[in-house]
Amino acid sequence: MNPPPPPNQMSDEQRQATSQAAVAAGGLPLNAVDRLREQASRQGTPSHIFTSDLSPNELLLTRQCGFEPLGQVMGSSVYHVAYYAAPGYSWVSGELGILTEAYYKARHLAMGRIQQEAKLLGASGVVGVRLTQAGYDWGPGLLEFAAVGTAVREINAPPLGPNVQPFVSSLSGQDHYSLRQGGYRPVGFAMGNCTWMQYASYQTQFATQSVFGSWQNQELTDYTQAIYAARELAMERMEFETRSCGAEGIVGVSVETHHEPFEMQNTRGIIMHFTSLGTCVASDRTAPQTGGVKTAVPLGDG
């Protein structure tokens, strides 16, 4: 079989087919690759202009801790969630493995693509990453995850090896500076999630649906227990990812919860989506101790 022609010699149909194959394999479309390579070729020349979502203060601190911005990068994934059923028979509550896997894979595809974009720019890592999630009213079962951040390169550091991926960090420019001042460096981005289906007990249904039950303050113990179960699974998975990248700990952890009510054959309950995200860090005693930032306290009124 003859090798495919170079991208600049492909027809529109060939480019579209090649792009779709790359995206299906977890990669980037050709247009994005061409744009990033062209942007990387201008680095070090007067025509190079970086884009960034860093604030002026974040930009200053990023440079003071030894990094220069290269450009804004992103990764996204639109994912279809398959039909899912209850986790067991006889109305047994438990994890919805299909939904957990779908949310996990969609997030990792988005994070993998932001790393690929940073790699094409020659970056050491990505800082200030924001991960967002959205759904579509016109497409039930569709999820979109998008990750956006600023690719940065460590000044006077050798380029990353071919098999080394840029680090991804959700820390702001100020937090990244403080982390480096404290002798740590970001090494990755850890995620853990769990989707849990909880059927409402008789007590919960009576308290939430009955007029008489609404007169009494009471804890819905089955829902409380479900939150704890989903949290433990999500945190355990995030910690596993942290160990896998050789980190000592996680900073900047954020926890997201989302609940969906459901009704099935006169039985009610909720579906809980629990997600934990954070930046993995490791010791770096060679981190520069710049000490160039001082606290300013305004003396005016207000």
C-alpha atoms as a PDB file:
ATOM      1  CA  MET A   1       0.000   0.000   0.000  1.00  0.00           C
ATOM      2  CA  ASN A   2       1.342   3.414  -0.946  1.00  0.00           C
ATOM      3  CA  PRO A   3       1.875   5.914   1.918  1.00  0.00           C
ATOM      4  CA  PRO A   4      -0.572   8.833   2.085  1.00  0.00           C
ATOM      5  CA  PRO A   5       0.547  12.057   0.407  1.00  0.00           C
ATOM      6  CA  PRO A   6       1.869  14.963   2.528  1.00  0.00           C
ATOM      7  CA  PRO A   7      -0.909  17.073   4.110  1.00  0.00           C
ATOM      8  CA  ASN A   8      -0.233  20.017   1.783  1.00  0.00           C
ATOM      9  CA  GLN A   9      -0.793  17.766  -1.258  1.00  0.00           C
ATOM     10  CA  MET A  10      -4.047  16.208  -0.075  1.00  0.00           C
ATOM     11  CA  SER A  11      -7.430  16.969  -1.528  1.00  0.00           C
ATOM     12  CA  ASP A  12     -10.139  18.322   0.740  1.00  0.00           C
ATOM     13  CA  GLU A  13     -11.685  14.848   0.951  1.00  0.00           C
ATOM     14  CA  GLN A  14      -8.355  13.268   1.872  1.00  0.00           C
ATOM     15  CA  ARG A  15      -7.674  15.884   4.538  1.00  0.00           C
ATOM     16  CA  GLN A  16     -11.103  15.400   6.062  1.00  0.00           C
ATOM     17  CA  ALA A  17     -10.723  11.604   6.116  1.00  0.00           C
ATOM     18  CA  THR A  18      -7.219  11.872   7.617  1.00  0.00           C
ATOM     19  CA  SER A  19      -8.435  14.327  10.249  1.00  0.00           C
ATOM     20  CA  GLN A  20     -11.328  12.089  11.225  1.00  0.00           C
ATOM     21  CA  ALA A  21      -8.963   9.115  11.542  1.00  0.00           C
ATOM     22  CA  ALA A  22      -6.611  11.151  13.742  1.00  0.00           C
ATOM     23  CA  VAL A  23      -9.452  12.312  16.005  1.00  0.00           C
ATOM     24  CA  ALA A  24     -10.785   8.740  16.233  1.00  0.00           C
ATOM     25  CA  ALA A  25      -7.335   7.688  17.474  1.00  0.00           C
ATOM     26  CA  GLY A  26      -7.367  10.409  20.166  1.00  0.00           C
ATOM     27  CA  GLY A  27      -5.321  12.908  18.124  1.00  0.00           C
ATOM     28  CA  LEU A  28      -5.834  16.319  16.577  1.00  0.00           C
ATOM     29  CA  PRO A  29      -7.365  17.330  13.224  1.00  0.00           C
ATOM     30  CA  LEU A  30      -4.936  18.403  10.502  1.00  0.00           C
ATOM     31  CA  ASN A  31      -6.004  22.046  10.566  1.00  0.00           C
ATOM     32  CA  ALA A  32      -5.077  22.314  14.237  1.00  0.00           C
ATOM     33  CA  VAL A  33      -1.736  20.586  13.672  1.00  0.00           C
ATOM     34  CA  ASP A  34      -0.884  22.875  10.741  1.00  0.00           C
ATOM     35  CA  ARG A  35      -1.795  26.002  12.719  1.00  0.00           C
ATOM     36  CA  LEU A  36       0.296  24.995  15.735  1.00  0.00           C
ATOM     37  CA  ARG A  37       3.311  24.028  13.639  1.00  0.00           C
ATOM     38  CA  GLU A  38       3.139  27.342  11.806  1.00  0.00           C
ATOM     39  CA  GLN A  39       2.869  29.156  15.139  1.00  0.00           C
ATOM     40  CA  ALA A  40       5.876  27.216  16.494  1.00  0.00           C
ATOM     41  CA  SER A  41       7.943  28.097  13.423  1.00  0.00           C
ATOM     42  CA  ARG A  42       7.619  31.815  14.273  1.00  0.00           C
ATOM     43  CA  GLN A  43       9.061  31.436  17.767  1.00  0.00           C
ATOM     44  CA  GLY A  44      12.259  33.410  18.189  1.00  0.00           C
ATOM     45  CA  THR A  45      11.411  35.729  15.293  1.00  0.00           C
ATOM     46  CA  PRO A  46       9.894  39.244  15.282  1.00  0.00           C
ATOM     47  CA  SER A  47       6.644  37.820  13.868  1.00  0.00           C
ATOM     48  CA  HIS A  48       5.993  35.616  16.913  1.00  0.00           C
ATOM     49  CA  ILE A  49       2.970  36.704  18.961  1.00  0.00           C
ATOM     50  CA  PHE A  50       1.729  34.552  21.817  1.00  0.00           C
ATOM     51  CA  THR A  51      -1.876  34.312  22.933  1.00  0.00           C
ATOM     52  CA  SER A  52      -2.714  33.705  26.567  1.00  0.00           C
ATOM     53  CA  ASP A  53      -5.514  33.803  29.100  1.00  0.00           C
ATOM     54  CA  LEU A  54      -3.021  34.788  31.807  1.00  0.00           C
ATOM     55  CA  SER A  55      -3.638  38.099  33.547  1.00  0.00           C
ATOM     56  CA  PRO A  56      -0.795  40.654  33.556  1.00  0.00           C
ATOM     57  CA  ASN A  57       0.064  39.647  37.140  1.00  0.00           C
ATOM     58  CA  GLU A  58       0.079  35.954  36.187  1.00  0.00           C
ATOM     59  CA  LEU A  59       2.285  36.676  33.183  1.00  0.00           C
ATOM     60  CA  LEU A  60       4.786  38.541  35.363  1.00  0.00           C
ATOM     61  CA  LEU A  61       4.954  35.751  37.933  1.00  0.00           C
ATOM     62  CA  THR A  62       5.185  33.062  35.265  1.00  0.00           C
ATOM     63  CA  ARG A  63       8.265  34.737  33.821  1.00  0.00           C
ATOM     64  CA  GLN A  64       9.767  35.337  37.270  1.00  0.00           C
ATOM     65  CA  CYS A  65       9.676  31.629  38.054  1.00  0.00           C
ATOM     66  CA  GLY A  66      11.487  30.828  34.803  1.00  0.00           C
ATOM     67  CA  PHE A  67       8.812  30.188  32.171  1.00  0.00           C
ATOM     68  CA  GLU A  68       7.791  32.007  29.000  1.00  0.00           C
ATOM     69  CA  PRO A  69       4.310  31.793  27.417  1.00  0.00           C
ATOM     70  CA  LEU A  70       4.046  30.251  23.953  1.00  0.00           C
ATOM     71  CA  GLY A  71       0.343  30.337  23.191  1.00  0.00           C
ATOM     72  CA  GLN A  72      -3.129  29.335  24.228  1.00  0.00           C
ATOM     73  CA  VAL A  73      -3.943  25.664  23.756  1.00  0.00           C
ATOM     74  CA  MET A  74      -7.083  23.620  24.116  1.00  0.00           C
ATOM     75  CA  GLY A  75      -8.423  20.106  23.994  1.00  0.00           C
ATOM     76  CA  SER A  76     -12.010  19.023  23.546  1.00  0.00           C
ATOM     77  CA  SER A  77     -14.125  15.934  23.157  1.00  0.00           C
ATOM     78  CA  VAL A  78     -17.800  15.463  22.290  1.00  0.00           C
ATOM     79  CA  TYR A  79     -18.824  12.082  23.674  1.00  0.00           C
ATOM     80  CA  HIS A  80     -21.973  10.000  23.346  1.00  0.00           C
ATOM     81  CA  VAL A  81     -23.092   8.128  26.447  1.00  0.00           C
ATOM     82  CA  ALA A  82     -24.554   4.720  25.706  1.00  0.00           C
ATOM     83  CA  TYR A  83     -27.800   3.418  27.163  1.00  0.00           C
ATOM     84  CA  TYR A  84     -27.335   2.445  30.769  1.00  0.00           C
ATOM     85  CA  ALA A  85     -29.387   0.313  33.113  1.00  0.00           C
ATOM     86  CA  ALA A  86     -29.614   0.002  36.874  1.00  0.00           C
ATOM     87  CA  PRO A  87     -26.547  -1.500  38.564  1.00  0.00           C
ATOM     88  CA  GLY A  88     -28.401  -4.560  39.760  1.00  0.00           C
ATOM     89  CA  TYR A  89     -31.727  -6.312  40.185  1.00  0.00           C
ATOM     90  CA  SER A  90     -34.331  -5.805  42.897  1.00  0.00           C
ATOM     91  CA  TRP A  91     -33.762  -2.054  42.813  1.00  0.00           C
ATOM     92  CA  VAL A  92     -30.253  -2.238  44.270  1.00  0.00           C
ATOM     93  CA  SER A  93     -28.355   1.056  44.386  1.00  0.00           C
ATOM     94  CA  GLY A  94     -24.783   1.256  43.152  1.00  0.00           C
ATOM     95  CA  GLU A  95     -22.308   2.701  40.647  1.00  0.00           C
ATOM     96  CA  LEU A  96     -23.329   3.148  37.016  1.00  0.00           C
ATOM     97  CA  GLY A  97     -20.143   1.865  35.443  1.00  0.00           C
ATOM     98  CA  ILE A  98     -21.096   2.850  31.897  1.00  0.00           C
ATOM     99  CA  LEU A  99     -21.640   6.483  32.866  1.00  0.00           C
ATOM    100  CA  THR A 100     -18.512   6.591  35.021  1.00  0.00           C
ATOM    101  CA  GLU A 101     -16.434   5.271  32.129  1.00  0.00           C
ATOM    102  CA  ALA A 102     -17.978   7.700  29.629  1.00  0.00           C
ATOM    103  CA  TYR A 103     -17.252  10.775  31.777  1.00  0.00           C
ATOM    104  CA  TYR A 104     -13.743   9.499  32.496  1.00  0.00           C
ATOM    105  CA  LYS A 105     -12.843   8.817  28.861  1.00  0.00           C
ATOM    106  CA  ALA A 106     -14.282  12.113  27.602  1.00  0.00           C
ATOM    107  CA  ARG A 107     -12.240  14.106  30.121  1.00  0.00           C
ATOM    108  CA  HIS A 108      -9.050  12.204  29.341  1.00  0.00           C
ATOM    109  CA  LEU A 109      -9.484  12.698  25.609  1.00  0.00           C
ATOM    110  CA  ALA A 110      -9.774  16.448  26.169  1.00  0.00           C
ATOM    111  CA  MET A 111      -6.730  16.513  28.473  1.00  0.00           C
ATOM    112  CA  GLY A 112      -4.719  14.369  26.062  1.00  0.00           C
ATOM    113  CA  ARG A 113      -5.392  16.761  23.195  1.00  0.00           C
ATOM    114  CA  ILE A 114      -4.353  19.837  25.169  1.00  0.00           C
ATOM    115  CA  GLN A 115      -1.051  18.066  25.861  1.00  0.00           C
ATOM    116  CA  GLN A 116      -0.644  17.312  22.167  1.00  0.00           C
ATOM    117  CA  GLU A 117      -1.198  20.958  21.256  1.00  0.00           C
ATOM    118  CA  ALA A 118       1.366  22.037  23.857  1.00  0.00           C
ATOM    119  CA  LYS A 119       3.844  19.473  22.545  1.00  0.00           C
ATOM    120  CA  LEU A 120       3.537  20.871  19.021  1.00  0.00           C
ATOM    121  CA  LEU A 121       4.435  24.319  20.368  1.00  0.00           C
ATOM    122  CA  GLY A 122       7.512  22.930  22.118  1.00  0.00           C
ATOM    123  CA  ALA A 123       6.087  23.645  25.570  1.00  0.00           C
ATOM    124  CA  SER A 124       7.245  22.286  28.902  1.00  0.00           C
ATOM    125  CA  GLY A 125       3.718  22.389  30.255  1.00  0.00           C
ATOM    126  CA  VAL A 126       0.319  24.065  30.403  1.00  0.00           C
ATOM    127  CA  VAL A 127      -0.731  26.335  33.279  1.00  0.00           C
ATOM    128  CA  GLY A 128      -4.070  27.783  34.310  1.00  0.00           C
ATOM    129  CA  VAL A 129      -6.065  24.924  32.759  1.00  0.00           C
ATOM    130  CA  ARG A 130      -9.839  25.259  32.995  1.00  0.00           C
ATOM    131  CA  LEU A 131     -11.926  22.154  32.383  1.00  0.00           C
ATOM    132  CA  THR A 132     -15.572  22.719  31.453  1.00  0.00           C
ATOM    133  CA  GLN A 133     -18.476  20.390  30.770  1.00  0.00           C
ATOM    134  CA  ALA A 134     -21.609  21.001  28.727  1.00  0.00           C
ATOM    135  CA  GLY A 135     -24.581  19.091  27.401  1.00  0.00           C
ATOM    136  CA  TYR A 136     -26.868  19.575  24.413  1.00  0.00           C
ATOM    137  CA  ASP A 137     -30.650  19.836  24.488  1.00  0.00           C
ATOM    138  CA  TRP A 138     -30.812  18.694  20.863  1.00  0.00           C
ATOM    139  CA  GLY A 139     -28.696  15.605  21.537  1.00  0.00           C
ATOM    140  CA  PRO A 140     -29.686  13.571  24.598  1.00  0.00           C
ATOM    141  CA  GLY A 141     -26.744  11.562  25.883  1.00  0.00           C
ATOM    142  CA  LEU A 142     -24.117  13.928  24.423  1.00  0.00           C
ATOM    143  CA  LEU A 143     -21.345  15.410  26.569  1.00  0.00           C
ATOM    144  CA  GLU A 144     -18.724  17.986  25.650  1.00  0.00           C
ATOM    145  CA  PHE A 145     -15.568  18.448  27.691  1.00  0.00           C
ATOM    146  CA  ALA A 146     -13.150  21.267  26.900  1.00  0.00           C
ATOM    147  CA  ALA A 147      -9.792  22.093  28.481  1.00  0.00           C
ATOM    148  CA  VAL A 148      -8.187  25.512  27.878  1.00  0.00           C
ATOM    149  CA  GLY A 149      -4.868  26.821  29.199  1.00  0.00           C
ATOM    150  CA  THR A 150      -1.606  28.580  28.334  1.00  0.00           C
ATOM    151  CA  ALA A 151       1.372  26.594  27.035  1.00  0.00           C
ATOM    152  CA  VAL A 152       4.643  27.658  28.672  1.00  0.00           C
ATOM    153  CA  ARG A 153       8.282  26.706  28.142  1.00  0.00           C
ATOM    154  CA  GLU A 154      10.933  26.620  30.840  1.00  0.00           C
ATOM    155  CA  ILE A 155      13.631  29.125  29.919  1.00  0.00           C
ATOM    156  CA  ASN A 156      17.123  27.667  29.266  1.00  0.00           C
ATOM    157  CA  ALA A 157      15.791  24.125  29.717  1.00  0.00           C
ATOM    158  CA  PRO A 158      16.356  21.413  27.089  1.00  0.00           C
ATOM    159  CA  PRO A 159      13.364  20.389  24.953  1.00  0.00           C
ATOM    160  CA  LEU A 160      11.229  17.515  26.155  1.00  0.00           C
ATOM    161  CA  GLY A 161      12.075  14.089  24.795  1.00  0.00           C
ATOM    162  CA  PRO A 162       9.859  12.500  22.133  1.00  0.00           C
ATOM    163  CA  ASN A 163       8.137  10.274  24.693  1.00  0.00           C
ATOM    164  CA  VAL A 164       7.769  12.934  27.406  1.00  0.00           C
ATOM    165  CA  GLN A 165       4.486  14.820  27.603  1.00  0.00           C
ATOM    166  CA  PRO A 166       4.149  18.422  28.883  1.00  0.00           C
ATOM    167  CA  PHE A 167       2.772  18.751  32.381  1.00  0.00           C
ATOM    168  CA  VAL A 168      -0.785  20.030  32.802  1.00  0.00           C
ATOM    169  CA  SER A 169      -1.681  22.218  35.760  1.00  0.00           C
ATOM    170  CA  SER A 170      -4.884  23.885  36.880  1.00  0.00           C
ATOM    171  CA  LEU A 171      -2.914  26.315  39.075  1.00  0.00           C
ATOM    172  CA  SER A 172      -3.084  30.027  38.367  1.00  0.00           C
ATOM    173  CA  GLY A 173       0.043  32.008  37.571  1.00  0.00           C
ATOM    174  CA  GLN A 174       0.255  33.152  41.200  1.00  0.00           C
ATOM    175  CA  ASP A 175      -0.157  29.620  42.536  1.00  0.00           C
ATOM    176  CA  HIS A 176       2.389  28.243  40.073  1.00  0.00           C
ATOM    177  CA  TYR A 177       4.892  30.865  41.245  1.00  0.00           C
ATOM    178  CA  SER A 178       4.245  30.018  44.906  1.00  0.00           C
ATOM    179  CA  LEU A 179       4.602  26.317  44.174  1.00  0.00           C
ATOM    180  CA  ARG A 180       8.007  26.822  42.565  1.00  0.00           C
ATOM    181  CA  GLN A 181       9.091  29.093  45.430  1.00  0.00           C
ATOM    182  CA  GLY A 182       8.212  26.315  47.846  1.00  0.00           C
ATOM    183  CA  GLY A 183      10.480  23.837  46.061  1.00  0.00           C
ATOM    184  CA  TYR A 184       7.819  21.906  44.124  1.00  0.00           C
ATOM    185  CA  ARG A 185       6.963  21.482  40.469  1.00  0.00           C
ATOM    186  CA  PRO A 186       3.760  20.367  38.735  1.00  0.00           C
ATOM    187  CA  VAL A 187       3.996  16.969  37.073  1.00  0.00           C
ATOM    188  CA  GLY A 188       0.479  16.260  35.881  1.00  0.00           C
ATOM    189  CA  PHE A 189      -3.251  16.533  36.254  1.00  0.00           C
ATOM    190  CA  ALA A 190      -5.205  13.907  38.201  1.00  0.00           C
ATOM    191  CA  MET A 191      -8.895  13.146  37.909  1.00  0.00           C
ATOM    192  CA  GLY A 192     -11.280  10.773  39.574  1.00  0.00           C
ATOM    193  CA  ASN A 193     -15.008  10.359  39.059  1.00  0.00           C
ATOM    194  CA  CYS A 194     -17.960   8.186  39.935  1.00  0.00           C
ATOM    195  CA  THR A 195     -21.584   8.136  38.822  1.00  0.00           C
ATOM    196  CA  TRP A 196     -23.834   6.558  41.430  1.00  0.00           C
ATOM    197  CA  MET A 197     -27.523   5.621  41.196  1.00  0.00           C
ATOM    198  CA  GLN A 198     -29.356   5.759  44.509  1.00  0.00           C
ATOM    199  CA  TYR A 199     -32.924   4.555  44.898  1.00  0.00           C
ATOM    200  CA  ALA A 200     -34.882   6.473  47.504  1.00  0.00           C
ATOM    201  CA  SER A 201     -35.804   4.530  50.596  1.00  0.00           C
ATOM    202  CA  TYR A 202     -39.359   4.504  51.912  1.00  0.00           C
ATOM    203  CA  GLN A 203     -38.344   7.074  54.545  1.00  0.00           C
ATOM    204  CA  THR A 204     -36.847   9.378  51.900  1.00  0.00           C
ATOM    205  CA  GLN A 205     -39.863   9.078  49.603  1.00  0.00           C
ATOM    206  CA  PHE A 206     -42.203   9.782  52.501  1.00  0.00           C
ATOM    207  CA  ALA A 207     -40.143  12.829  53.553  1.00  0.00           C
ATOM    208  CA  THR A 208     -39.878  14.328  50.057  1.00  0.00           C
ATOM    209  CA  GLN A 209     -43.293  13.464  48.608  1.00  0.00           C
ATOM    210  CA  SER A 210     -45.700  13.317  51.511  1.00  0.00           C
ATOM    211  CA  VAL A 211     -47.307  16.397  52.993  1.00  0.00           C
ATOM    212  CA  PHE A 212     -46.951  14.864  56.455  1.00  0.00           C
ATOM    213  CA  GLY A 213     -43.290  14.008  55.881  1.00  0.00           C
ATOM    214  CA  SER A 214     -42.453  17.577  54.900  1.00  0.00           C
ATOM    215  CA  TRP A 215     -43.396  18.759  58.413  1.00  0.00           C
ATOM    216  CA  GLN A 216     -40.373  17.062  59.989  1.00  0.00           C
ATOM    217  CA  ASN A 217     -36.688  17.970  59.719  1.00  0.00           C
ATOM    218  CA  GLN A 218     -34.694  14.805  59.125  1.00  0.00           C
ATOM    219  CA  GLU A 219     -31.565  13.555  57.385  1.00  0.00           C
ATOM    220  CA  LEU A 220     -31.987  11.509  54.214  1.00  0.00           C
ATOM    221  CA  THR A 221     -29.479   8.902  55.281  1.00  0.00           C
ATOM    222  CA  ASP A 222     -29.553   6.877  52.048  1.00  0.00           C
ATOM    223  CA  TYR A 223     -28.628   9.947  49.979  1.00  0.00           C
ATOM    224  CA  THR A 224     -25.902  10.885  52.484  1.00  0.00           C
ATOM    225  CA  GLN A 225     -24.446   7.386  52.290  1.00  0.00           C
ATOM    226  CA  ALA A 226     -24.553   7.509  48.477  1.00  0.00           C
ATOM    227  CA  ILE A 227     -22.534  10.749  48.415  1.00  0.00           C
ATOM    228  CA  TYR A 228     -19.898   9.170  50.647  1.00  0.00           C
ATOM    229  CA  ALA A 229     -19.721   6.044  48.485  1.00  0.00           C
ATOM    230  CA  ALA A 230     -19.322   8.043  45.249  1.00  0.00           C
ATOM    231  CA  ARG A 231     -16.742  10.345  46.857  1.00  0.00           C
ATOM    232  CA  GLU A 232     -14.592   7.470  48.112  1.00  0.00           C
ATOM    233  CA  LEU A 233     -14.467   5.860  44.670  1.00  0.00           C
ATOM    234  CA  ALA A 234     -13.651   9.161  42.931  1.00  0.00           C
ATOM    235  CA  MET A 235     -10.925  10.129  45.416  1.00  0.00           C
ATOM    236  CA  GLU A 236      -9.397   6.653  45.269  1.00  0.00           C
ATOM    237  CA  ARG A 237      -9.141   6.900  41.469  1.00  0.00           C
ATOM    238  CA  MET A 238      -7.619  10.376  41.632  1.00  0.00           C
ATOM    239  CA  GLU A 239      -5.001   9.152  44.112  1.00  0.00           C
ATOM    240  CA  PHE A 240      -4.195   6.211  41.818  1.00  0.00           C
ATOM    241  CA  GLU A 241      -3.507   8.613  38.933  1.00  0.00           C
ATOM    242  CA  THR A 242      -1.320  10.714  41.226  1.00  0.00           C
ATOM    243  CA  ARG A 243       0.829   7.719  42.142  1.00  0.00           C
ATOM    244  CA  SER A 244       1.057   6.695  38.494  1.00  0.00           C
ATOM    245  CA  CYS A 245       2.818   9.957  37.552  1.00  0.00           C
ATOM    246  CA  GLY A 246       5.313   9.758  40.403  1.00  0.00           C
ATOM    247  CA  ALA A 247       3.892  12.691  42.363  1.00  0.00           C
ATOM    248  CA  GLU A 248       4.104  13.280  46.086  1.00  0.00           C
ATOM    249  CA  GLY A 249       0.717  14.894  46.440  1.00  0.00           C
ATOM    250  CA  ILE A 250      -2.128  16.868  44.913  1.00  0.00           C
ATOM    251  CA  VAL A 251      -2.791  20.591  45.283  1.00  0.00           C
ATOM    252  CA  GLY A 252      -5.644  22.798  44.158  1.00  0.00           C
ATOM    253  CA  VAL A 253      -8.164  19.962  44.374  1.00  0.00           C
ATOM    254  CA  SER A 254     -11.677  20.901  43.303  1.00  0.00           C
ATOM    255  CA  VAL A 255     -14.757  18.771  43.827  1.00  0.00           C
ATOM    256  CA  GLU A 256     -17.795  18.907  41.567  1.00  0.00           C
ATOM    257  CA  THR A 257     -21.144  17.246  42.245  1.00  0.00           C
ATOM    258  CA  HIS A 258     -24.187  17.098  40.028  1.00  0.00           C
ATOM    259  CA  HIS A 259     -27.481  15.389  40.804  1.00  0.00           C
ATOM    260  CA  GLU A 260     -30.226  14.214  38.470  1.00  0.00           C
ATOM    261  CA  PRO A 261     -33.591  12.979  39.797  1.00  0.00           C
ATOM    262  CA  PHE A 262     -35.163   9.953  38.160  1.00  0.00           C
ATOM    263  CA  GLU A 263     -38.394   7.980  38.429  1.00  0.00           C
ATOM    264  CA  MET A 264     -38.742   4.333  37.456  1.00  0.00           C
ATOM    265  CA  GLN A 265     -41.888   2.266  37.900  1.00  0.00           C
ATOM    266  CA  ASN A 266     -43.186   4.433  40.738  1.00  0.00           C
ATOM    267  CA  THR A 267     -39.754   4.367  42.390  1.00  0.00           C
ATOM    268  CA  ARG A 268     -37.755   7.566  42.749  1.00  0.00           C
ATOM    269  CA  GLY A 269     -34.127   8.352  43.333  1.00  0.00           C
ATOM    270  CA  ILE A 270     -31.152  10.392  42.172  1.00  0.00           C
ATOM    271  CA  ILE A 271     -28.134   9.891  39.947  1.00  0.00           C
ATOM    272  CA  MET A 272     -25.032  11.511  41.442  1.00  0.00           C
ATOM    273  CA  HIS A 273     -22.022  12.576  39.367  1.00  0.00           C
ATOM    274  CA  PHE A 274     -19.012  13.114  41.637  1.00  0.00           C
ATOM    275  CA  THR A 275     -15.745  14.431  40.170  1.00  0.00           C
ATOM    276  CA  SER A 276     -12.458  15.412  41.831  1.00  0.00           C
ATOM    277  CA  LEU A 277      -9.668  17.249  39.973  1.00  0.00           C
ATOM    278  CA  GLY A 278      -6.242  18.447  41.065  1.00  0.00           C
ATOM    279  CA  THR A 279      -2.628  19.157  40.090  1.00  0.00           C
ATOM    280  CA  CYS A 280       0.001  16.552  40.930  1.00  0.00           C
ATOM    281  CA  VAL A 281       3.240  17.933  42.370  1.00  0.00           C
ATOM    282  CA  ALA A 282       6.698  16.585  43.179  1.00  0.00           C
ATOM    283  CA  SER A 283       9.715  17.981  45.030  1.00  0.00           C
ATOM    284  CA  ASP A 284      12.137  20.082  42.998  1.00  0.00           C
ATOM    285  CA  ARG A 285      14.934  21.471  45.140  1.00  0.00           C
ATOM    286  CA  THR A 286      16.499  23.080  42.054  1.00  0.00           C
ATOM    287  CA  ALA A 287      13.537  25.426  41.609  1.00  0.00           C
ATOM    288  CA  PRO A 288      14.704  29.051  41.324  1.00  0.00           C
ATOM    289  CA  GLN A 289      14.266  31.148  44.474  1.00  0.00           C
ATOM    290  CA  THR A 290      13.640  34.478  42.785  1.00  0.00           C
ATOM    291  CA  GLY A 291      12.022  36.379  45.635  1.00  0.00           C
ATOM    292  CA  GLY A 292      11.225  39.298  43.359  1.00  0.00           C
ATOM    293  CA  VAL A 293       7.620  39.884  44.479  1.00  0.00           C
ATOM    294  CA  LYS A 294       6.717  42.050  47.459  1.00  0.00           C
ATOM    295  CA  THR A 295       3.350  42.605  49.098  1.00  0.00           C
ATOM    296  CA  ALA A 296       1.829  46.038  48.557  1.00  0.00           C
ATOM    297  CA  VAL A 297      -0.778  47.296  51.028  1.00  0.00           C
ATOM    298  CA  PRO A 298      -2.941  50.276  49.896  1.00  0.00           C
ATOM    299  CA  LEU A 299      -3.137  53.049  52.504  1.00  0.00           C
ATOM    300  CA  GLY A 300      -6.054  54.951  51.031  1.00  0.00           C
ATOM    301  CA  ASP A 301      -9.628  54.895  52.254  1.00  0.00           C
ATOM    302  CA  GLY A 302     -11.673  51.820  51.433  1.00  0.00           C
END
